[in-house]
Amino acid sequence: MALHMRQDIRMSQQLVMTPQLQQAIKLLQLSRMELSDLVRDELMENPLLEEAQELGTTVEEPVSSVELQDAVDQPSETAPEPTSPSEPLKADEPPKDSVDWEVYADSTPFTPATGGGEGDEQPSFEATLTRAETLPEYLLWQVRLSNYSEADEEIAEYLVRNLSPAGYLMDGSTIAVARKLGYSTLKVEGVIRRLQQLDPFAILARNLAECLWVQAHHPEHPIEDPLVLAIIAKHLHNLEIRNYPAVARDTGEALEEVYEATKVIQHMDPRPARAYSSEAAQYITPDVYIVKVAEDFVVSLNEEGVPKLRISAMYREAMGGHPKAKDYIHERMRSAQWLIRSIQQRQRTILKVTRSILKFQREFFERGAQHLRPLILKDVAEDIEMHESTVSRVTTNKYVHTPQGIFELKYFFNAGISRTTGDDLASEAVKTRIKKLIDAEDAAHPYSDQKLVELLEQEGIDIARRTVAKYREQLGVLSSSKRRKLF
């Protein structure tokens, strides 16, 4: 069959991602903090953008997009003069806004921020630290104050740099550390023993048993009870599942004595580095508020923290002084317009999605989490006539402040659990009910997963045991054998 070329016309449809659409999609999925950072970066890069609120009494009015387009399109030689041109200064006349800095310095003495004076509102020097001291830094400081040889200090520095967040040695093999550093195993072990005597005590243990064993042999208050030492050495696995009878049988001690020894072990710290955790508290700022006013709910955006943008009028002076800057200003103007419109569209979409969620989940806002209804993205998308992907982007990393607390918008989307009464119940509502049942249980006889299934069935909730176990793990609740408390 011969091959040949020909021309023909075809009609087809395809999605073209314009720069405006790409920017709108990008802004839609940003969190509040990410949006604020992006806006501030644009303020630094685009001279035509400025914040709508400025200091001072003479603030220029925002320029509309029509005025800006007309100004850019007109010839530079006919550009209008500034509305309030500055008058030339006389040779012997100082500027009106000048400041006599010598008089100011003499009248305003410098006061250091010591924080020691009574009524002094300035922060102390310690309060100006940008970060807290890390545990490796604290340990190395103690090492340098101790009588360590150069080789021991090298080993110690390597060890403290390999600490886990709990305070254990991540590379638990002494042989591996010795081979890596080129020292004998006995020397590395000696450095570990010395480091374990520093503050916090029992740091750099290889496992939980060693950590508790070192704490039991503290030089200032050692534990001499042989039952406590035996439990640490051989029965931590029984202690984990609270199998106290097995410990009593193996050690030949009474069950009451095992209880008392267990209380001693429970007062030890299984995570020596707990006090030096570097995890800072993360505070959530809601993107939208839902407030109840009388018998209705009002939805409003939280506009604090994100700069309000407008297009600056200073382009007129720039156009008049620099004719060649016309193309640049035109490009920057379009970029500024796209950004402002994309942010406005983002805010409108968040409002629409939140109002739709309020319509579907009104009982939740009225009565709490147990009345959360099943809801999927498609329901909200059809209600506001948008695509599901748009709703998904809007609800990611966006938080709402409600009368029931602060929640991520994705929290309100849940699968349904069938009920014998007919109406389905949201999975989050079932989790809340499981948590309340566990909180109210007898600590000595906790509910098993099967018992929880039976209790939920009495309330008309049809659920499988494996689903209860999955929800319990998501709630961070241990199994019944590990929740049992005998004393």
Protein backbone atom coordinates (compact mmCIF):
# COMPACT_ATOMS: atom_id res chain seq x y z
CA MET A 1 0.00 0.00 0.00
CA ALA A 2 1.42 3.35 -1.09
CA LEU A 3 2.02 6.07 1.46
CA HIS A 4 1.14 9.67 0.64
CA MET A 5 0.49 13.00 2.36
CA ARG A 6 -2.75 14.97 2.28
CA GLN A 7 -4.47 17.87 4.02
CA ASP A 8 -7.87 17.65 5.70
CA ILE A 9 -9.95 19.63 8.22
CA ARG A 10 -11.17 18.14 11.47
CA MET A 11 -13.17 19.52 14.36
CA SER A 12 -12.13 18.56 17.88
CA GLN A 13 -12.41 19.84 21.45
CA GLN A 14 -9.55 20.14 23.88
CA LEU A 15 -8.88 21.90 27.15
CA VAL A 16 -6.33 24.70 26.92
CA MET A 17 -4.87 25.78 30.26
CA THR A 18 -4.48 29.54 29.90
CA PRO A 19 -2.14 31.37 32.30
CA GLN A 20 -5.18 32.86 34.03
CA LEU A 21 -6.72 29.42 34.59
CA GLN A 22 -3.44 27.97 35.83
CA GLN A 23 -3.04 30.80 38.32
CA ALA A 24 -6.65 30.46 39.53
CA ILE A 25 -6.23 26.71 40.10
CA LYS A 26 -2.95 27.27 41.92
CA LEU A 27 -4.44 29.89 44.25
CA LEU A 28 -7.51 27.76 44.91
CA GLN A 29 -5.57 24.94 46.53
CA LEU A 30 -3.20 27.12 48.58
CA SER A 31 -3.60 27.32 52.32
CA ARG A 32 -4.08 30.64 54.05
CA MET A 33 -0.42 30.94 55.01
CA GLU A 34 0.78 29.97 51.53
CA LEU A 35 -1.55 32.54 49.96
CA SER A 36 -0.23 35.27 52.27
CA ASP A 37 3.37 34.41 51.34
CA LEU A 38 2.55 34.40 47.62
CA VAL A 39 0.83 37.79 47.84
CA ARG A 40 3.77 39.34 49.67
CA ASP A 41 6.18 37.94 47.07
CA GLU A 42 4.08 39.48 44.29
CA LEU A 43 4.08 42.82 46.14
CA MET A 44 7.88 42.71 46.09
CA GLU A 45 8.15 41.73 42.40
CA ASN A 46 5.33 43.71 40.78
CA PRO A 47 5.65 47.51 41.15
CA LEU A 48 2.06 48.05 40.02
CA LEU A 49 0.70 46.15 43.04
CA GLU A 50 0.27 47.79 46.41
CA GLU A 51 -1.71 47.23 49.56
CA ALA A 52 -5.05 48.96 49.69
CA GLN A 53 -4.47 50.24 53.23
CA GLU A 54 -1.54 52.61 53.51
CA LEU A 55 -0.23 54.82 56.28
CA GLY A 56 -0.70 58.57 56.08
CA THR A 57 -3.54 60.91 55.28
CA THR A 58 -3.00 61.35 51.53
CA VAL A 59 -3.74 57.96 50.06
CA GLU A 60 -4.35 57.74 46.33
CA GLU A 61 -7.56 56.19 45.18
CA PRO A 62 -7.29 52.83 43.43
CA VAL A 63 -7.17 53.02 39.66
CA SER A 64 -9.72 50.96 37.77
CA SER A 65 -8.66 48.51 35.13
CA VAL A 66 -10.29 50.64 32.41
CA GLU A 67 -8.33 53.74 33.42
CA LEU A 68 -5.14 51.75 33.62
CA GLN A 69 -5.66 50.21 30.19
CA ASP A 70 -6.35 53.64 28.66
CA ALA A 71 -3.25 55.08 30.27
CA VAL A 72 -1.06 52.26 29.00
CA ASP A 73 -2.44 52.49 25.47
CA GLN A 74 -2.01 56.28 25.14
CA PRO A 75 1.33 57.70 23.80
CA SER A 76 3.89 58.42 26.44
CA GLU A 77 4.43 62.02 25.27
CA THR A 78 0.78 62.84 26.04
CA ALA A 79 0.79 61.16 29.44
CA PRO A 80 -1.06 63.27 32.02
CA GLU A 81 0.85 65.14 34.63
CA PRO A 82 0.65 63.95 38.22
CA THR A 83 -2.46 65.21 40.00
CA SER A 84 -0.46 66.82 42.81
CA PRO A 85 2.99 67.82 41.48
CA SER A 86 5.53 68.67 44.11
CA GLU A 87 6.64 72.30 44.25
CA PRO A 88 10.37 73.03 43.87
CA LEU A 89 12.12 73.82 47.13
CA LYS A 90 13.97 77.03 47.69
CA ALA A 91 17.68 76.88 48.29
CA ASP A 92 17.44 78.12 51.87
CA GLU A 93 14.26 76.25 52.76
CA PRO A 94 14.54 72.77 54.32
CA PRO A 95 12.13 70.01 53.27
CA LYS A 96 8.81 70.09 55.11
CA ASP A 97 9.12 66.50 56.30
CA SER A 98 12.75 66.76 57.41
CA VAL A 99 13.67 65.74 60.94
CA ASP A 100 16.36 67.22 63.13
CA TRP A 101 17.91 63.89 64.14
CA GLU A 102 20.35 65.47 66.59
CA VAL A 103 17.52 67.02 68.62
CA TYR A 104 15.57 63.75 68.40
CA ALA A 105 18.54 61.71 69.64
CA ASP A 106 19.14 64.10 72.56
CA SER A 107 15.49 64.04 73.63
CA THR A 108 15.09 60.24 73.29
CA PRO A 109 17.78 58.43 75.27
CA PHE A 110 18.51 54.80 74.47
CA THR A 111 17.19 52.29 77.02
CA PRO A 112 18.44 48.72 76.64
CA ALA A 113 15.89 45.90 76.80
CA THR A 114 17.02 44.45 80.11
CA GLY A 115 13.58 43.51 81.34
CA GLY A 116 14.70 44.02 84.92
CA GLY A 117 13.10 47.36 85.72
CA GLU A 118 9.75 47.58 87.43
CA GLY A 119 7.00 48.34 84.93
CA ASP A 120 9.37 47.82 82.00
CA GLU A 121 7.33 46.43 79.12
CA GLN A 122 10.32 45.70 76.91
CA PRO A 123 11.21 42.01 76.48
CA SER A 124 14.22 40.60 78.23
CA PHE A 125 17.32 39.54 76.32
CA GLU A 126 16.42 35.85 76.81
CA ALA A 127 13.00 36.49 75.27
CA THR A 128 14.61 37.56 71.99
CA LEU A 129 16.01 34.09 71.23
CA THR A 130 14.76 32.78 67.91
CA ARG A 131 14.82 29.09 68.86
CA ALA A 132 15.33 26.84 71.84
CA GLU A 133 18.48 24.82 72.39
CA THR A 134 18.30 21.36 70.85
CA LEU A 135 19.09 18.19 72.78
CA PRO A 136 22.27 17.38 70.76
CA GLU A 137 23.56 20.89 71.45
CA TYR A 138 22.80 20.52 75.16
CA LEU A 139 24.53 17.16 75.35
CA LEU A 140 27.62 18.38 73.47
CA TRP A 141 27.82 21.35 75.82
CA GLN A 142 27.96 18.90 78.75
CA VAL A 143 30.56 16.79 76.95
CA ARG A 144 32.85 19.78 76.40
CA LEU A 145 32.60 20.65 80.09
CA SER A 146 33.58 17.10 81.05
CA ASN A 147 36.94 15.36 80.92
CA TYR A 148 36.62 13.68 77.52
CA SER A 149 39.59 12.84 75.36
CA GLU A 150 39.67 13.94 71.74
CA ALA A 151 38.72 10.45 70.54
CA ASP A 152 35.91 10.14 73.11
CA GLU A 153 34.57 13.55 72.13
CA GLU A 154 34.51 12.49 68.47
CA ILE A 155 32.55 9.34 69.35
CA ALA A 156 30.20 11.31 71.61
CA GLU A 157 29.48 13.86 68.89
CA TYR A 158 28.62 11.12 66.41
CA LEU A 159 26.35 9.39 68.92
CA VAL A 160 24.37 12.47 69.92
CA ARG A 161 23.91 13.40 66.27
CA ASN A 162 22.18 10.04 65.78
CA LEU A 163 19.55 10.42 68.50
CA SER A 164 15.96 9.50 67.78
CA PRO A 165 13.17 11.92 68.79
CA ALA A 166 12.53 9.73 71.86
CA GLY A 167 16.18 9.88 72.94
CA TYR A 168 17.31 6.44 71.76
CA LEU A 169 20.33 5.64 69.61
CA MET A 170 19.01 5.24 66.07
CA ASP A 171 21.97 3.06 65.05
CA GLY A 172 21.49 0.54 67.86
CA SER A 173 24.50 -1.60 66.97
CA THR A 174 27.66 -0.69 68.89
CA ILE A 175 29.69 -2.77 66.44
CA ALA A 176 28.37 -0.73 63.48
CA VAL A 177 29.28 2.56 65.19
CA ALA A 178 32.75 1.25 66.06
CA ARG A 179 33.43 0.14 62.50
CA LYS A 180 32.22 3.42 61.05
CA LEU A 181 34.42 5.53 63.33
CA GLY A 182 37.39 3.16 63.40
CA TYR A 183 37.43 2.54 67.16
CA SER A 184 37.04 -0.59 69.24
CA THR A 185 33.61 -1.75 70.38
CA LEU A 186 34.72 -1.53 74.01
CA LYS A 187 35.66 2.14 73.60
CA VAL A 188 32.33 3.05 71.97
CA GLU A 189 30.46 1.18 74.69
CA GLY A 190 32.36 3.13 77.35
CA VAL A 191 31.40 6.46 75.78
CA ILE A 192 27.76 5.38 75.62
CA ARG A 193 27.82 4.51 79.34
CA ARG A 194 29.24 7.93 80.17
CA LEU A 195 26.72 9.75 78.01
CA GLN A 196 23.87 7.89 79.68
CA GLN A 197 24.84 9.55 82.96
CA LEU A 198 24.33 13.05 81.55
CA ASP A 199 21.17 15.08 81.69
CA PRO A 200 18.63 13.84 80.66
CA PHE A 201 19.45 10.58 82.40
CA ALA A 202 19.36 7.28 80.45
CA ILE A 203 19.80 8.99 77.09
CA LEU A 204 21.19 6.98 74.14
CA ALA A 205 19.70 3.65 75.19
CA ARG A 206 19.41 1.01 72.49
CA ASN A 207 15.91 -0.13 73.53
CA LEU A 208 13.24 0.39 76.19
CA ALA A 209 14.61 -2.30 78.50
CA GLU A 210 18.05 -0.65 78.60
CA CYS A 211 16.49 2.78 79.13
CA LEU A 212 14.51 1.59 82.16
CA TRP A 213 17.45 -0.46 83.45
CA VAL A 214 19.75 2.59 83.46
CA GLN A 215 17.10 4.63 85.28
CA ALA A 216 16.69 1.86 87.86
CA HIS A 217 20.44 2.12 88.62
CA HIS A 218 20.51 5.89 89.05
CA PRO A 219 23.48 6.70 91.34
CA GLU A 220 21.46 9.09 93.53
CA HIS A 221 18.33 6.99 94.04
CA PRO A 222 18.85 3.40 92.80
CA ILE A 223 16.05 0.84 92.88
CA GLU A 224 17.00 -2.24 94.84
CA ASP A 225 13.74 -4.18 94.53
CA PRO A 226 14.65 -7.44 92.71
CA LEU A 227 11.09 -7.81 91.41
CA VAL A 228 11.26 -4.45 89.63
CA LEU A 229 14.59 -5.39 88.05
CA ALA A 230 13.26 -8.81 87.02
CA ILE A 231 10.23 -7.27 85.32
CA ILE A 232 12.42 -4.82 83.41
CA ALA A 233 14.77 -7.57 82.31
CA LYS A 234 12.28 -10.29 81.31
CA HIS A 235 8.62 -9.22 81.43
CA LEU A 236 8.17 -5.93 79.61
CA HIS A 237 6.13 -7.73 76.96
CA ASN A 238 3.72 -8.98 79.64
CA LEU A 239 3.61 -5.51 81.12
CA GLU A 240 2.61 -4.08 77.75
CA ILE A 241 -0.50 -6.26 77.53
CA ARG A 242 -1.09 -6.05 81.31
CA ASN A 243 -0.68 -9.77 81.79
CA TYR A 244 0.16 -9.47 85.48
CA PRO A 245 -0.80 -13.08 86.39
CA ALA A 246 1.91 -14.36 83.99
CA VAL A 247 4.50 -12.16 85.71
CA ALA A 248 3.36 -13.41 89.12
CA ARG A 249 3.59 -17.07 88.05
CA ASP A 250 7.04 -16.69 86.52
CA THR A 251 8.55 -14.73 89.42
CA GLY A 252 6.73 -16.63 92.18
CA GLU A 253 5.53 -13.37 93.74
CA ALA A 254 2.04 -12.43 94.84
CA LEU A 255 -0.14 -10.53 92.40
CA GLU A 256 -0.29 -7.54 94.76
CA GLU A 257 3.52 -7.36 94.79
CA VAL A 258 3.55 -7.36 90.98
CA TYR A 259 1.10 -4.45 91.03
CA GLU A 260 3.35 -2.45 93.36
CA ALA A 261 6.44 -3.14 91.25
CA THR A 262 4.56 -2.10 88.13
CA LYS A 263 3.68 1.24 89.74
CA VAL A 264 7.40 1.90 90.27
CA ILE A 265 8.16 1.20 86.59
CA GLN A 266 5.29 3.41 85.46
CA HIS A 267 6.95 6.38 87.17
CA MET A 268 10.03 5.99 84.95
CA ASP A 269 10.39 7.93 81.71
CA PRO A 270 10.37 5.74 78.58
CA ARG A 271 11.19 8.79 76.42
CA PRO A 272 14.14 10.67 77.95
CA ALA A 273 14.13 13.30 75.20
CA ARG A 274 10.48 14.21 75.74
CA ALA A 275 11.28 17.59 77.35
CA TYR A 276 13.53 18.56 74.42
CA SER A 277 11.07 17.92 71.63
CA SER A 278 11.59 20.38 68.76
CA GLU A 279 7.98 20.17 67.60
CA ALA A 280 6.46 23.63 67.94
CA ALA A 281 2.75 24.15 68.47
CA GLN A 282 0.90 24.72 65.22
CA TYR A 283 -1.91 27.27 65.52
CA ILE A 284 -4.75 27.15 63.03
CA THR A 285 -6.24 30.37 61.68
CA PRO A 286 -9.68 29.73 60.15
CA ASP A 287 -10.32 30.84 56.58
CA VAL A 288 -14.04 31.32 57.13
CA TYR A 289 -16.39 31.84 60.07
CA ILE A 290 -19.86 30.39 60.66
CA VAL A 291 -21.62 32.35 63.39
CA LYS A 292 -25.14 31.84 64.67
CA VAL A 293 -27.15 35.06 64.79
CA ALA A 294 -30.61 34.62 66.29
CA GLU A 295 -32.03 31.55 64.52
CA ASP A 296 -29.83 31.66 61.44
CA PHE A 297 -26.16 31.10 60.59
CA VAL A 298 -23.98 33.76 58.95
CA VAL A 299 -20.96 32.80 56.82
CA SER A 300 -18.14 35.33 56.54
CA LEU A 301 -14.56 35.24 55.29
CA ASN A 302 -11.57 35.86 57.52
CA GLU A 303 -9.68 38.54 55.61
CA GLU A 304 -7.10 39.30 58.29
CA GLY A 305 -3.48 38.50 57.54
CA VAL A 306 -3.79 38.51 53.74
CA PRO A 307 -2.89 41.91 52.22
CA LYS A 308 -5.64 43.63 50.24
CA LEU A 309 -4.32 44.44 46.79
CA ARG A 310 -4.93 47.25 44.34
CA ILE A 311 -3.21 48.60 41.25
CA SER A 312 -1.06 51.61 42.02
CA ALA A 313 -1.60 55.00 40.34
CA MET A 314 2.14 55.70 40.31
CA TYR A 315 2.36 54.20 36.80
CA ARG A 316 1.38 57.62 35.37
CA GLU A 317 4.60 59.24 36.52
CA ALA A 318 6.60 56.22 35.35
CA MET A 319 4.99 56.35 31.92
CA GLY A 320 5.75 60.04 31.56
CA GLY A 321 9.37 59.72 32.57
CA HIS A 322 10.26 56.46 30.84
CA PRO A 323 8.60 55.98 27.42
CA LYS A 324 10.35 52.65 26.85
CA ALA A 325 8.73 51.19 29.99
CA LYS A 326 5.31 51.00 28.30
CA ASP A 327 5.53 47.30 27.41
CA TYR A 328 6.87 46.38 30.83
CA ILE A 329 4.11 48.29 32.63
CA HIS A 330 1.50 46.76 30.35
CA GLU A 331 2.73 43.25 31.20
CA ARG A 332 2.90 44.00 34.93
CA MET A 333 -0.59 45.48 34.79
CA ARG A 334 -2.06 42.32 33.29
CA SER A 335 -0.25 40.17 35.86
CA ALA A 336 -1.62 42.33 38.68
CA GLN A 337 -5.16 42.13 37.30
CA TRP A 338 -4.99 38.35 36.98
CA LEU A 339 -3.76 37.99 40.54
CA ILE A 340 -6.47 40.25 42.00
CA ARG A 341 -9.23 38.51 40.03
CA SER A 342 -7.92 35.04 40.96
CA ILE A 343 -7.90 35.93 44.66
CA GLN A 344 -11.42 37.33 44.42
CA GLN A 345 -12.59 34.18 42.62
CA ARG A 346 -10.91 32.04 45.28
CA GLN A 347 -12.71 33.87 48.08
CA ARG A 348 -16.08 33.62 46.32
CA THR A 349 -15.61 29.89 45.77
CA ILE A 350 -14.73 29.27 49.42
CA LEU A 351 -17.88 31.12 50.46
CA LYS A 352 -20.06 29.13 48.06
CA VAL A 353 -18.65 25.79 49.21
CA THR A 354 -19.00 26.71 52.90
CA ARG A 355 -22.60 27.83 52.46
CA SER A 356 -23.39 24.59 50.66
CA ILE A 357 -21.81 22.56 53.48
CA LEU A 358 -23.88 24.56 55.98
CA LYS A 359 -27.02 23.68 54.06
CA PHE A 360 -26.26 19.95 54.10
CA GLN A 361 -24.85 19.75 57.65
CA ARG A 362 -27.09 22.20 59.50
CA GLU A 363 -27.87 19.66 62.24
CA PHE A 364 -24.16 19.38 63.00
CA PHE A 365 -23.85 23.12 63.58
CA GLU A 366 -26.97 23.03 65.73
CA ARG A 367 -26.42 19.88 67.82
CA GLY A 368 -22.86 18.53 67.44
CA ALA A 369 -20.77 15.79 65.80
CA GLN A 370 -23.22 12.96 66.51
CA HIS A 371 -25.62 14.52 64.00
CA LEU A 372 -23.14 14.69 61.11
CA ARG A 373 -24.75 13.44 57.88
CA PRO A 374 -23.09 11.45 55.09
CA LEU A 375 -21.80 13.82 52.42
CA ILE A 376 -19.64 13.44 49.32
CA LEU A 377 -17.94 15.94 47.03
CA LYS A 378 -20.45 15.30 44.27
CA ASP A 379 -23.33 16.56 46.44
CA VAL A 380 -21.71 19.94 47.02
CA ALA A 381 -20.43 20.15 43.42
CA GLU A 382 -23.93 19.68 42.03
CA ASP A 383 -25.38 22.15 44.53
CA ILE A 384 -23.00 24.99 43.56
CA GLU A 385 -22.71 23.87 39.90
CA MET A 386 -18.97 23.31 39.95
CA HIS A 387 -16.69 20.36 39.27
CA GLU A 388 -15.79 17.91 42.04
CA SER A 389 -12.09 18.66 41.59
CA THR A 390 -12.78 22.33 42.35
CA VAL A 391 -14.60 21.42 45.56
CA SER A 392 -11.72 19.11 46.50
CA ARG A 393 -9.16 21.89 46.03
CA VAL A 394 -11.26 24.36 48.01
CA THR A 395 -11.67 22.03 50.98
CA THR A 396 -7.96 21.12 51.21
CA ASN A 397 -6.07 22.94 53.98
CA LYS A 398 -9.00 25.31 54.56
CA TYR A 399 -10.47 25.62 58.06
CA VAL A 400 -13.79 26.90 59.33
CA HIS A 401 -14.64 28.28 62.76
CA THR A 402 -18.04 26.99 63.89
CA PRO A 403 -20.07 26.98 67.11
CA GLN A 404 -18.82 23.37 67.57
CA GLY A 405 -15.12 24.23 67.13
CA ILE A 406 -12.58 24.63 64.32
CA PHE A 407 -12.65 21.97 61.59
CA GLU A 408 -11.08 21.40 58.21
CA LEU A 409 -13.64 21.68 55.44
CA LYS A 410 -12.86 18.08 54.45
CA TYR A 411 -14.12 16.99 57.89
CA PHE A 412 -17.71 17.38 56.72
CA PHE A 413 -17.36 14.82 53.92
CA ASN A 414 -17.97 11.31 55.25
CA ALA A 415 -19.12 7.93 54.07
CA GLY A 416 -22.47 6.68 55.33
CA ILE A 417 -23.10 3.94 57.91
CA SER A 418 -26.52 2.32 57.59
CA ARG A 419 -29.00 2.39 60.46
CA THR A 420 -32.01 0.25 61.18
CA THR A 421 -34.11 3.40 61.54
CA GLY A 422 -33.55 4.20 57.85
CA ASP A 423 -31.35 7.32 57.83
CA ASP A 424 -27.64 6.79 57.29
CA LEU A 425 -25.12 8.14 59.79
CA ALA A 426 -21.76 9.71 58.92
CA SER A 427 -18.63 7.78 59.81
CA GLU A 428 -17.35 10.67 61.94
CA ALA A 429 -20.54 10.53 63.98
CA VAL A 430 -19.97 6.80 64.56
CA LYS A 431 -16.38 7.50 65.67
CA THR A 432 -17.67 10.07 68.14
CA ARG A 433 -20.13 7.53 69.55
CA ILE A 434 -17.40 4.86 69.88
CA LYS A 435 -15.18 7.34 71.72
CA LYS A 436 -17.98 8.18 74.18
CA LEU A 437 -18.65 4.48 74.85
CA ILE A 438 -14.97 3.84 75.55
CA ASP A 439 -14.69 6.89 77.81
CA ALA A 440 -17.62 5.65 79.89
CA GLU A 441 -16.46 2.01 80.19
CA ASP A 442 -15.24 0.28 83.33
CA ALA A 443 -11.44 0.55 83.31
CA ALA A 444 -11.11 -2.90 84.90
CA HIS A 445 -13.38 -4.48 82.26
CA PRO A 446 -13.01 -2.49 79.01
CA TYR A 447 -15.23 -3.13 76.02
CA SER A 448 -13.91 -5.41 73.32
CA ASP A 449 -14.50 -4.57 69.67
CA GLN A 450 -17.28 -7.15 69.51
CA LYS A 451 -18.95 -5.65 72.58
CA LEU A 452 -18.81 -2.22 70.96
CA VAL A 453 -20.52 -3.70 67.89
CA GLU A 454 -23.32 -5.03 70.09
CA LEU A 455 -23.75 -1.70 71.90
CA LEU A 456 -23.92 0.17 68.60
CA GLU A 457 -26.47 -2.30 67.26
CA GLN A 458 -28.68 -1.49 70.25
CA GLU A 459 -28.65 2.13 69.03
CA GLY A 460 -29.62 1.08 65.52
CA ILE A 461 -26.13 1.36 63.98
CA ASP A 462 -25.26 -1.59 61.73
CA ILE A 463 -21.47 -1.90 61.64
CA ALA A 464 -18.89 -4.70 61.30
CA ARG A 465 -16.34 -5.55 63.98
CA ARG A 466 -13.38 -4.85 61.68
CA THR A 467 -14.83 -1.39 60.97
CA VAL A 468 -15.04 -0.70 64.71
CA ALA A 469 -11.42 -1.79 65.08
CA LYS A 470 -10.38 0.52 62.21
CA TYR A 471 -12.22 3.50 63.72
CA ARG A 472 -10.75 2.75 67.16
CA GLU A 473 -7.21 2.78 65.73
CA GLN A 474 -7.93 6.05 63.90
CA LEU A 475 -9.01 7.53 67.24
CA GLY A 476 -5.71 6.42 68.78
CA VAL A 477 -7.42 4.08 71.28
CA LEU A 478 -5.66 0.87 72.34
CA SER A 479 -7.25 -2.56 72.28
CA SER A 480 -9.25 -3.76 75.28
CA SER A 481 -6.37 -5.89 76.62
CA LYS A 482 -4.08 -2.84 76.68
CA ARG A 483 -6.74 -0.54 78.14
CA ARG A 484 -7.41 -2.75 81.15
CA LYS A 485 -6.44 -1.16 84.48
CA LEU A 486 -6.42 -3.33 87.61
CA PHE A 487 -5.16 -0.67 90.00
